[in-house]
Amino acid sequence: MLNALSQGSRILILYHEPASVLLLQDILAQAGYDNYKAIAACGEAISAFHDFGPDLILLELPVPDLGRFEVLRQLQLRIPPQSYLPIAIVTADLPRAVKRQVLSAGANDFIAKPFDDTDVVLRIRGLLETRFLHRALDLRNRVLDQDVSDRAHSMEEAQVEILHRLALAAEYRDDITGYHTQRVGELAALLGRAAKLPEQTVELIRMAAPLHDVGKIGIPDRLILKRQGLTEEEFELIKAHTTIGARLLAGSPFPILQLAEKIALYHHERWDGQGYWGSQGEAIPIEVRIVSIVDTFDVLTHERPYKKAWPVQDAIAEIKSQSGRQFDPHLVRVFTALVRSNGLQVLSDTEGRPLKSPPSRIEGGRTPLHTANGKTGTEPGWPAENPLAPAIGRSDSLDSPG
């Protein structure tokens, strides 16, 4: 251990008396320590500290002159809080009160003058051993922290993957491509960012929004895929997908699922309070208001078993017509501006496959994914704002029975 310490250790000597440094150098050389640097002037101490990068500092503190006491404070300011870089004070015997002051200022030990060779070597060895053990422990902790971080990241990715597949399972029956949920997540993030929400919130929306219709798992296929309008009784059953979804997601400690629970329960609320459960205006969480708009847009512009796709300009016109009624007027303006600026870079090609470098879906005012021959909204069984199933018939509300 001594051999390793003597070969690898850097010792910085800040001395006051030339005779003292000569004696210290001789003791160090006899013990095998040959990597040291001696500085006489206090003014050079800080620059020498930075240039030399010591593992141990021997600071001579003359008595009664305590002028180098300030040097000790300055050195401590430059030592990282989590590291251990020992400073030993070289001095004649000091009063107990002064020793307490010096230790409070950051010194780790004392080397008494006149020197006892054995005592000097033992104290230097002990300080350096502690230094290198601390460094080894710090390195080990860094490795463990990185390992924990990697594992946590892997777990987070697994959780997101599970949530993604859960969203696909709910959506697969009426969106056979399975990409509606992904598009809603990406569109919601785009709109959230355009609405100047914090980036952390935007990312949560992107991950939570695809679970908006997870409650459809509990709704029979005969309602999900029904091509004709729904009866009042059937519509009440359809509405239950919001509470089913919220129950599936309830009670989680994870922010993603907490937000997904709110989105699942309230994504059919309306700005005017005429939605499923009567929430109104800004009482509806902004994340939910965002999902409501982009979910509507995506359903209208994509084909479903019970409907054809709408041209983009017609879908936007319908959303604008519901500003202040179904949708938050401010978010409608932001969304419309996104469309005008070609900002809706939806991650899907003509087959619904995700693209790494997405093209714009807004081409010539129509979606290249599904181009309808004229507006289909007046046809029987046209989709409600509710992306789950067709409403009884068209009304001024996109999600209530006519």
Protein backbone atom coordinates (compact mmCIF):
# COMPACT_ATOMS: atom_id res chain seq x y z
CA MET A 1 0.00 0.00 0.00
CA LEU A 2 2.83 2.39 0.88
CA ASN A 3 4.58 1.73 -2.41
CA ALA A 4 1.39 2.45 -4.36
CA LEU A 5 0.79 5.60 -2.35
CA SER A 6 4.34 6.88 -2.76
CA GLN A 7 4.32 6.31 -6.51
CA GLY A 8 0.94 7.82 -7.26
CA SER A 9 0.49 10.59 -4.71
CA ARG A 10 0.88 14.29 -5.46
CA ILE A 11 1.88 16.33 -2.41
CA LEU A 12 1.77 20.13 -2.44
CA ILE A 13 3.93 21.82 0.25
CA LEU A 14 3.11 25.45 1.08
CA TYR A 15 5.96 26.50 3.35
CA HIS A 16 7.01 29.52 5.37
CA GLU A 17 10.54 28.61 6.46
CA PRO A 18 13.05 27.22 3.88
CA ALA A 19 14.58 25.00 6.56
CA SER A 20 11.21 23.32 7.17
CA VAL A 21 10.65 22.48 3.54
CA LEU A 22 14.12 20.98 3.19
CA LEU A 23 13.48 18.69 6.14
CA LEU A 24 10.07 17.68 4.77
CA GLN A 25 11.51 16.95 1.34
CA ASP A 26 14.14 14.73 2.89
CA ILE A 27 11.56 12.80 4.92
CA LEU A 28 9.33 12.36 1.86
CA ALA A 29 12.23 11.17 -0.28
CA GLN A 30 13.29 8.62 2.34
CA ALA A 31 9.71 7.29 2.44
CA GLY A 32 9.54 6.96 -1.35
CA TYR A 33 7.41 10.03 -2.08
CA ASP A 34 8.96 11.80 -5.04
CA ASN A 35 5.97 13.53 -6.65
CA TYR A 36 5.74 16.75 -4.66
CA LYS A 37 5.89 20.47 -5.26
CA ALA A 38 7.02 23.15 -2.79
CA ILE A 39 5.75 26.74 -3.00
CA ALA A 40 7.05 29.50 -0.75
CA ALA A 41 4.83 32.47 -1.61
CA CYS A 42 1.27 32.50 -0.31
CA GLY A 43 0.18 34.37 -3.42
CA GLU A 44 1.01 31.35 -5.59
CA ALA A 45 -0.86 28.81 -3.44
CA ILE A 46 -4.16 28.89 -5.31
CA SER A 47 -2.64 28.76 -8.81
CA ALA A 48 -0.32 25.93 -7.67
CA PHE A 49 -3.32 24.07 -6.29
CA HIS A 50 -5.10 24.23 -9.65
CA ASP A 51 -2.02 23.45 -11.76
CA PHE A 52 -0.61 20.61 -9.67
CA GLY A 53 -3.83 18.85 -8.64
CA PRO A 54 -2.57 17.52 -5.29
CA ASP A 55 -3.79 14.54 -3.29
CA LEU A 56 -2.44 16.07 -0.06
CA ILE A 57 -1.55 19.62 0.99
CA LEU A 58 1.03 20.33 3.69
CA LEU A 59 0.46 23.91 4.81
CA GLU A 60 3.04 25.45 7.17
CA LEU A 61 1.33 27.78 9.63
CA PRO A 62 3.83 30.00 11.47
CA VAL A 63 3.25 31.06 15.05
CA PRO A 64 2.25 33.61 16.21
CA ASP A 65 1.69 34.89 12.64
CA LEU A 66 -1.53 33.30 11.37
CA GLY A 67 -1.40 35.05 7.99
CA ARG A 68 -1.80 31.80 6.10
CA PHE A 69 -5.02 31.03 7.90
CA GLU A 70 -6.81 32.84 5.03
CA VAL A 71 -5.00 30.60 2.53
CA LEU A 72 -6.61 27.61 4.24
CA ARG A 73 -10.04 29.13 3.79
CA GLN A 74 -9.37 29.90 0.12
CA LEU A 75 -8.19 26.34 -0.52
CA GLN A 76 -11.32 24.91 1.10
CA LEU A 77 -13.51 27.00 -1.19
CA ARG A 78 -11.91 25.25 -4.17
CA ILE A 79 -12.26 21.69 -2.95
CA PRO A 80 -15.50 20.07 -4.25
CA PRO A 81 -17.93 19.44 -1.35
CA GLN A 82 -18.27 15.70 -2.02
CA SER A 83 -14.55 15.03 -2.37
CA TYR A 84 -11.88 14.43 0.27
CA LEU A 85 -8.61 16.31 -0.23
CA PRO A 86 -6.71 16.38 3.10
CA ILE A 87 -4.85 19.41 4.38
CA ALA A 88 -2.28 18.89 7.16
CA ILE A 89 -1.08 21.94 9.08
CA VAL A 90 2.71 22.01 9.69
CA THR A 91 3.35 24.04 12.83
CA ALA A 92 4.83 24.19 16.28
CA ASP A 93 2.46 23.45 19.10
CA LEU A 94 -0.67 25.62 18.91
CA PRO A 95 -3.06 26.62 21.68
CA ARG A 96 -6.11 24.38 21.84
CA ALA A 97 -8.49 27.21 20.85
CA VAL A 98 -6.42 27.98 17.73
CA LYS A 99 -6.37 24.30 16.78
CA ARG A 100 -10.16 24.24 16.94
CA GLN A 101 -10.25 27.30 14.70
CA VAL A 102 -7.92 25.70 12.19
CA LEU A 103 -9.90 22.43 12.12
CA SER A 104 -13.15 24.39 11.69
CA ALA A 105 -11.59 26.15 8.71
CA GLY A 106 -11.02 22.81 6.97
CA ALA A 107 -7.72 21.34 8.16
CA ASN A 108 -7.65 17.56 8.66
CA ASP A 109 -4.57 16.97 10.79
CA PHE A 110 -1.43 18.52 12.29
CA ILE A 111 2.25 17.71 11.75
CA ALA A 112 4.21 19.00 14.70
CA LYS A 113 7.56 20.77 14.60
CA PRO A 114 10.24 19.81 15.32
CA PHE A 115 9.65 16.83 13.03
CA ASP A 116 9.58 13.22 14.12
CA ASP A 117 10.28 11.29 10.91
CA THR A 118 8.12 8.30 11.84
CA ASP A 119 5.21 10.46 12.97
CA VAL A 120 5.36 12.53 9.77
CA VAL A 121 5.35 9.45 7.53
CA LEU A 122 2.50 7.78 9.44
CA ARG A 123 0.31 10.88 9.33
CA ILE A 124 0.96 11.42 5.61
CA ARG A 125 0.26 7.73 4.91
CA GLY A 126 -3.00 7.82 6.90
CA LEU A 127 -4.24 10.94 5.13
CA LEU A 128 -3.39 9.58 1.68
CA GLU A 129 -4.97 6.19 2.40
CA THR A 130 -8.17 7.96 3.41
CA ARG A 131 -7.94 10.11 0.28
CA PHE A 132 -7.66 7.13 -2.07
CA LEU A 133 -10.23 5.02 -0.23
CA HIS A 134 -12.63 7.94 -0.50
CA ARG A 135 -11.92 8.21 -4.23
CA ALA A 136 -12.46 4.47 -4.70
CA LEU A 137 -15.74 4.65 -2.79
CA ASP A 138 -16.82 7.67 -4.81
CA LEU A 139 -16.05 5.85 -8.06
CA ARG A 140 -17.97 2.80 -6.85
CA ASN A 141 -20.93 4.98 -5.91
CA ARG A 142 -20.86 6.60 -9.32
CA VAL A 143 -20.91 3.19 -10.98
CA LEU A 144 -23.79 2.09 -8.74
CA ASP A 145 -25.68 5.34 -9.38
CA GLN A 146 -25.26 4.84 -13.12
CA ASP A 147 -26.42 1.25 -12.80
CA VAL A 148 -29.48 2.34 -10.83
CA SER A 149 -30.15 5.07 -13.37
CA ASP A 150 -29.85 2.60 -16.26
CA ARG A 151 -32.18 0.15 -14.54
CA ALA A 152 -34.67 2.89 -13.73
CA HIS A 153 -34.55 4.05 -17.35
CA SER A 154 -35.15 0.48 -18.54
CA MET A 155 -38.08 0.12 -16.14
CA GLU A 156 -39.51 3.42 -17.33
CA GLU A 157 -39.20 2.30 -20.95
CA ALA A 158 -40.91 -0.99 -20.05
CA GLN A 159 -43.74 0.88 -18.32
CA VAL A 160 -44.23 3.15 -21.33
CA GLU A 161 -44.20 0.10 -23.61
CA ILE A 162 -46.85 -1.62 -21.50
CA LEU A 163 -49.01 1.52 -21.51
CA HIS A 164 -48.59 1.80 -25.27
CA ARG A 165 -49.74 -1.77 -25.79
CA LEU A 166 -52.66 -1.30 -23.41
CA ALA A 167 -53.75 1.71 -25.47
CA LEU A 168 -53.46 -0.34 -28.67
CA ALA A 169 -55.56 -3.13 -27.20
CA ALA A 170 -58.37 -0.67 -26.45
CA GLU A 171 -58.20 0.97 -29.87
CA TYR A 172 -57.62 -2.03 -32.11
CA ARG A 173 -61.23 -2.92 -32.77
CA ASP A 174 -62.22 0.29 -34.56
CA ASP A 175 -58.76 1.41 -35.67
CA ILE A 176 -57.19 -1.69 -37.18
CA THR A 177 -53.93 0.13 -37.89
CA GLY A 178 -53.55 0.78 -34.17
CA TYR A 179 -51.92 4.17 -34.81
CA HIS A 180 -54.71 6.46 -33.66
CA THR A 181 -53.41 6.38 -30.10
CA GLN A 182 -49.86 7.26 -31.20
CA ARG A 183 -51.08 10.12 -33.34
CA VAL A 184 -53.19 11.51 -30.52
CA GLY A 185 -50.15 11.44 -28.23
CA GLU A 186 -47.92 13.21 -30.75
CA LEU A 187 -50.59 15.75 -31.74
CA ALA A 188 -51.35 16.49 -28.09
CA ALA A 189 -47.66 17.13 -27.44
CA LEU A 190 -47.46 19.46 -30.46
CA LEU A 191 -50.50 21.42 -29.29
CA GLY A 192 -49.27 21.51 -25.69
CA ARG A 193 -45.90 22.86 -26.79
CA ALA A 194 -47.57 25.45 -29.04
CA ALA A 195 -49.71 26.47 -26.05
CA LYS A 196 -46.42 27.12 -24.18
CA LEU A 197 -46.87 24.47 -21.52
CA PRO A 198 -43.69 23.41 -19.67
CA GLU A 199 -41.72 20.78 -21.57
CA GLN A 200 -42.10 18.28 -18.72
CA THR A 201 -45.89 18.64 -18.95
CA VAL A 202 -45.75 18.27 -22.73
CA GLU A 203 -43.88 15.00 -22.37
CA LEU A 204 -46.39 13.69 -19.82
CA ILE A 205 -49.24 14.57 -22.19
CA ARG A 206 -47.50 12.77 -25.03
CA MET A 207 -47.24 9.58 -22.99
CA ALA A 208 -50.61 9.78 -21.20
CA ALA A 209 -52.88 10.93 -24.06
CA PRO A 210 -52.84 7.56 -25.92
CA LEU A 211 -54.68 6.03 -22.95
CA HIS A 212 -57.68 8.34 -23.32
CA ASP A 213 -59.95 5.54 -24.58
CA VAL A 214 -58.52 2.63 -22.61
CA GLY A 215 -61.97 2.14 -21.08
CA LYS A 216 -63.25 0.87 -24.45
CA ILE A 217 -61.89 -2.50 -23.32
CA GLY A 218 -65.08 -2.79 -21.26
CA ILE A 219 -67.49 -1.80 -24.05
CA PRO A 220 -69.08 -4.53 -26.25
CA ASP A 221 -68.10 -4.78 -29.92
CA ARG A 222 -71.74 -4.42 -30.95
CA LEU A 223 -71.56 -0.82 -29.74
CA ILE A 224 -67.98 -0.06 -30.73
CA LEU A 225 -68.52 -1.13 -34.34
CA LYS A 226 -72.20 -0.27 -34.80
CA ARG A 227 -72.73 1.47 -38.14
CA GLN A 228 -76.15 2.88 -37.34
CA GLY A 229 -76.93 5.56 -34.80
CA LEU A 230 -77.06 4.71 -31.10
CA THR A 231 -80.15 4.61 -28.95
CA GLU A 232 -80.28 6.63 -25.75
CA GLU A 233 -79.65 3.46 -23.74
CA GLU A 234 -76.70 2.47 -25.94
CA PHE A 235 -75.22 5.94 -25.66
CA GLU A 236 -75.31 5.73 -21.86
CA LEU A 237 -73.39 2.45 -22.11
CA ILE A 238 -70.87 4.09 -24.43
CA LYS A 239 -70.32 6.92 -21.94
CA ALA A 240 -69.21 4.37 -19.35
CA HIS A 241 -65.88 3.94 -21.16
CA THR A 242 -64.68 7.09 -19.41
CA THR A 243 -65.33 5.78 -15.92
CA ILE A 244 -64.04 2.30 -16.82
CA GLY A 245 -60.79 3.85 -18.09
CA ALA A 246 -60.42 6.02 -14.98
CA ARG A 247 -60.92 3.00 -12.72
CA LEU A 248 -58.31 1.01 -14.64
CA LEU A 249 -55.77 3.79 -14.19
CA ALA A 250 -56.70 4.97 -10.69
CA GLY A 251 -54.45 4.83 -7.65
CA SER A 252 -51.07 4.92 -9.37
CA PRO A 253 -48.13 6.84 -7.81
CA PHE A 254 -46.74 7.56 -11.29
CA PRO A 255 -47.45 11.01 -12.83
CA ILE A 256 -48.08 9.50 -16.27
CA LEU A 257 -50.90 7.30 -15.01
CA GLN A 258 -52.28 10.04 -12.77
CA LEU A 259 -52.63 12.29 -15.82
CA ALA A 260 -53.94 9.41 -17.95
CA GLU A 261 -56.66 8.81 -15.35
CA LYS A 262 -57.84 12.44 -15.64
CA ILE A 263 -57.74 12.31 -19.43
CA ALA A 264 -59.67 9.04 -19.57
CA LEU A 265 -62.40 10.35 -17.26
CA TYR A 266 -62.84 13.86 -18.64
CA HIS A 267 -61.91 13.79 -22.33
CA HIS A 268 -65.59 14.08 -23.32
CA GLU A 269 -66.22 17.16 -21.22
CA ARG A 270 -67.17 20.34 -23.04
CA TRP A 271 -66.13 23.93 -22.59
CA ASP A 272 -69.81 24.91 -22.21
CA GLY A 273 -70.46 22.28 -19.53
CA GLN A 274 -72.68 20.07 -21.72
CA GLY A 275 -70.32 17.09 -21.75
CA TYR A 276 -70.62 13.69 -20.12
CA TRP A 277 -70.18 14.77 -16.51
CA GLY A 278 -70.84 18.51 -16.59
CA SER A 279 -67.36 19.95 -16.06
CA GLN A 280 -67.02 23.38 -17.65
CA GLY A 281 -64.42 25.85 -18.91
CA GLU A 282 -61.09 25.98 -17.12
CA ALA A 283 -62.37 23.54 -14.49
CA ILE A 284 -61.49 20.95 -17.12
CA PRO A 285 -57.71 20.32 -16.89
CA ILE A 286 -55.86 21.92 -19.80
CA GLU A 287 -54.24 18.57 -20.68
CA VAL A 288 -57.73 17.14 -21.16
CA ARG A 289 -58.87 20.10 -23.26
CA ILE A 290 -55.86 19.55 -25.52
CA VAL A 291 -56.58 15.85 -25.96
CA SER A 292 -60.24 16.59 -26.73
CA ILE A 293 -59.28 18.74 -29.73
CA VAL A 294 -56.60 16.51 -31.22
CA ASP A 295 -58.64 13.33 -30.65
CA THR A 296 -61.54 14.87 -32.55
CA PHE A 297 -59.26 16.01 -35.36
CA ASP A 298 -57.63 12.61 -35.77
CA VAL A 299 -60.91 10.70 -35.74
CA LEU A 300 -62.50 13.03 -38.28
CA THR A 301 -59.56 12.85 -40.68
CA HIS A 302 -59.17 9.04 -40.59
CA GLU A 303 -61.44 6.29 -41.78
CA ARG A 304 -63.28 4.12 -39.29
CA PRO A 305 -65.58 1.11 -39.80
CA TYR A 306 -68.59 3.43 -39.46
CA LYS A 307 -67.32 6.49 -41.40
CA LYS A 308 -65.16 7.83 -44.17
CA ALA A 309 -62.34 10.27 -43.57
CA TRP A 310 -63.00 13.97 -43.71
CA PRO A 311 -60.78 16.38 -45.63
CA VAL A 312 -58.54 18.28 -43.24
CA GLN A 313 -60.07 21.67 -44.02
CA ASP A 314 -63.55 20.35 -43.15
CA ALA A 315 -62.32 18.86 -39.88
CA ILE A 316 -60.69 22.18 -38.94
CA ALA A 317 -63.86 24.06 -39.87
CA GLU A 318 -65.89 21.75 -37.63
CA ILE A 319 -63.49 22.25 -34.71
CA LYS A 320 -63.59 26.03 -35.20
CA SER A 321 -67.39 25.93 -35.21
CA GLN A 322 -67.27 24.32 -31.78
CA SER A 323 -64.94 26.95 -30.32
CA GLY A 324 -66.46 28.20 -27.07
CA ARG A 325 -68.97 25.38 -27.10
CA GLN A 326 -67.18 22.05 -27.10
CA PHE A 327 -63.59 23.30 -27.18
CA ASP A 328 -61.43 25.85 -25.37
CA PRO A 329 -61.42 28.92 -27.69
CA HIS A 330 -57.78 29.73 -26.98
CA LEU A 331 -56.63 26.20 -27.76
CA VAL A 332 -58.72 26.19 -30.95
CA ARG A 333 -56.87 29.32 -32.10
CA VAL A 334 -53.51 27.75 -31.26
CA PHE A 335 -54.46 24.54 -33.06
CA THR A 336 -55.67 26.41 -36.12
CA ALA A 337 -52.41 28.37 -36.21
CA LEU A 338 -50.50 25.07 -36.10
CA VAL A 339 -52.37 23.87 -39.16
CA ARG A 340 -51.77 27.15 -41.01
CA SER A 341 -48.06 26.94 -40.25
CA ASN A 342 -47.91 23.33 -41.40
CA GLY A 343 -47.00 22.42 -37.85
CA LEU A 344 -48.94 19.15 -37.62
CA GLN A 345 -46.17 16.77 -38.58
CA VAL A 346 -48.11 13.58 -37.89
CA LEU A 347 -45.98 10.45 -37.55
CA SER A 348 -47.66 8.23 -40.13
CA ASP A 349 -47.30 7.38 -43.78
CA THR A 350 -50.12 6.33 -46.08
CA GLU A 351 -50.26 2.91 -44.43
CA GLY A 352 -50.28 4.30 -40.91
CA ARG A 353 -46.72 3.21 -40.12
CA PRO A 354 -44.67 5.54 -37.93
CA LEU A 355 -41.93 7.50 -39.64
CA LYS A 356 -38.65 8.67 -38.14
CA SER A 357 -38.70 11.79 -40.30
CA PRO A 358 -42.42 12.59 -40.66
CA PRO A 359 -43.83 14.31 -43.74
CA SER A 360 -46.66 16.77 -43.40
CA ARG A 361 -50.14 15.38 -43.64
CA ILE A 362 -51.40 18.79 -44.67
CA GLU A 363 -51.02 18.78 -48.45
CA GLY A 364 -53.29 20.89 -50.56
CA GLY A 365 -55.82 21.09 -47.75
CA ARG A 366 -56.41 17.32 -47.71
CA THR A 367 -54.93 14.40 -45.88
CA PRO A 368 -52.94 12.02 -48.13
CA LEU A 369 -53.75 9.21 -45.71
CA HIS A 370 -57.50 9.18 -46.45
CA THR A 371 -59.07 11.58 -48.95
CA ALA A 372 -62.84 11.67 -48.85
CA ASN A 373 -65.05 12.58 -51.80
CA GLY A 374 -66.80 15.49 -50.19
CA LYS A 375 -67.85 16.02 -46.63
CA THR A 376 -69.34 12.91 -45.08
CA GLY A 377 -70.52 14.41 -41.82
CA THR A 378 -74.19 14.47 -42.82
CA GLU A 379 -74.31 10.75 -43.53
CA PRO A 380 -76.21 8.49 -41.11
CA GLY A 381 -73.98 7.19 -38.40
CA TRP A 382 -71.36 9.92 -38.76
CA PRO A 383 -68.92 9.96 -35.84
CA ALA A 384 -69.53 11.98 -32.75
CA GLU A 385 -66.67 13.91 -31.21
CA ASN A 386 -66.69 10.77 -29.14
CA PRO A 387 -64.12 8.79 -31.15
CA LEU A 388 -65.55 5.61 -29.69
CA ALA A 389 -68.71 5.15 -31.74
CA PRO A 390 -71.22 7.00 -33.96
CA ALA A 391 -73.81 9.13 -32.25
CA ILE A 392 -77.55 8.82 -32.76
CA GLY A 393 -77.37 11.35 -35.55
CA ARG A 394 -75.75 14.66 -36.33
CA SER A 395 -76.48 17.54 -34.01
CA ASP A 396 -74.76 20.81 -33.17
CA SER A 397 -72.88 18.96 -30.44
CA LEU A 398 -70.23 16.58 -31.61
CA ASP A 399 -70.69 14.20 -28.73
CA SER A 400 -74.25 14.25 -27.46
CA PRO A 401 -77.19 12.33 -28.94
CA GLY A 402 -79.24 14.39 -31.33
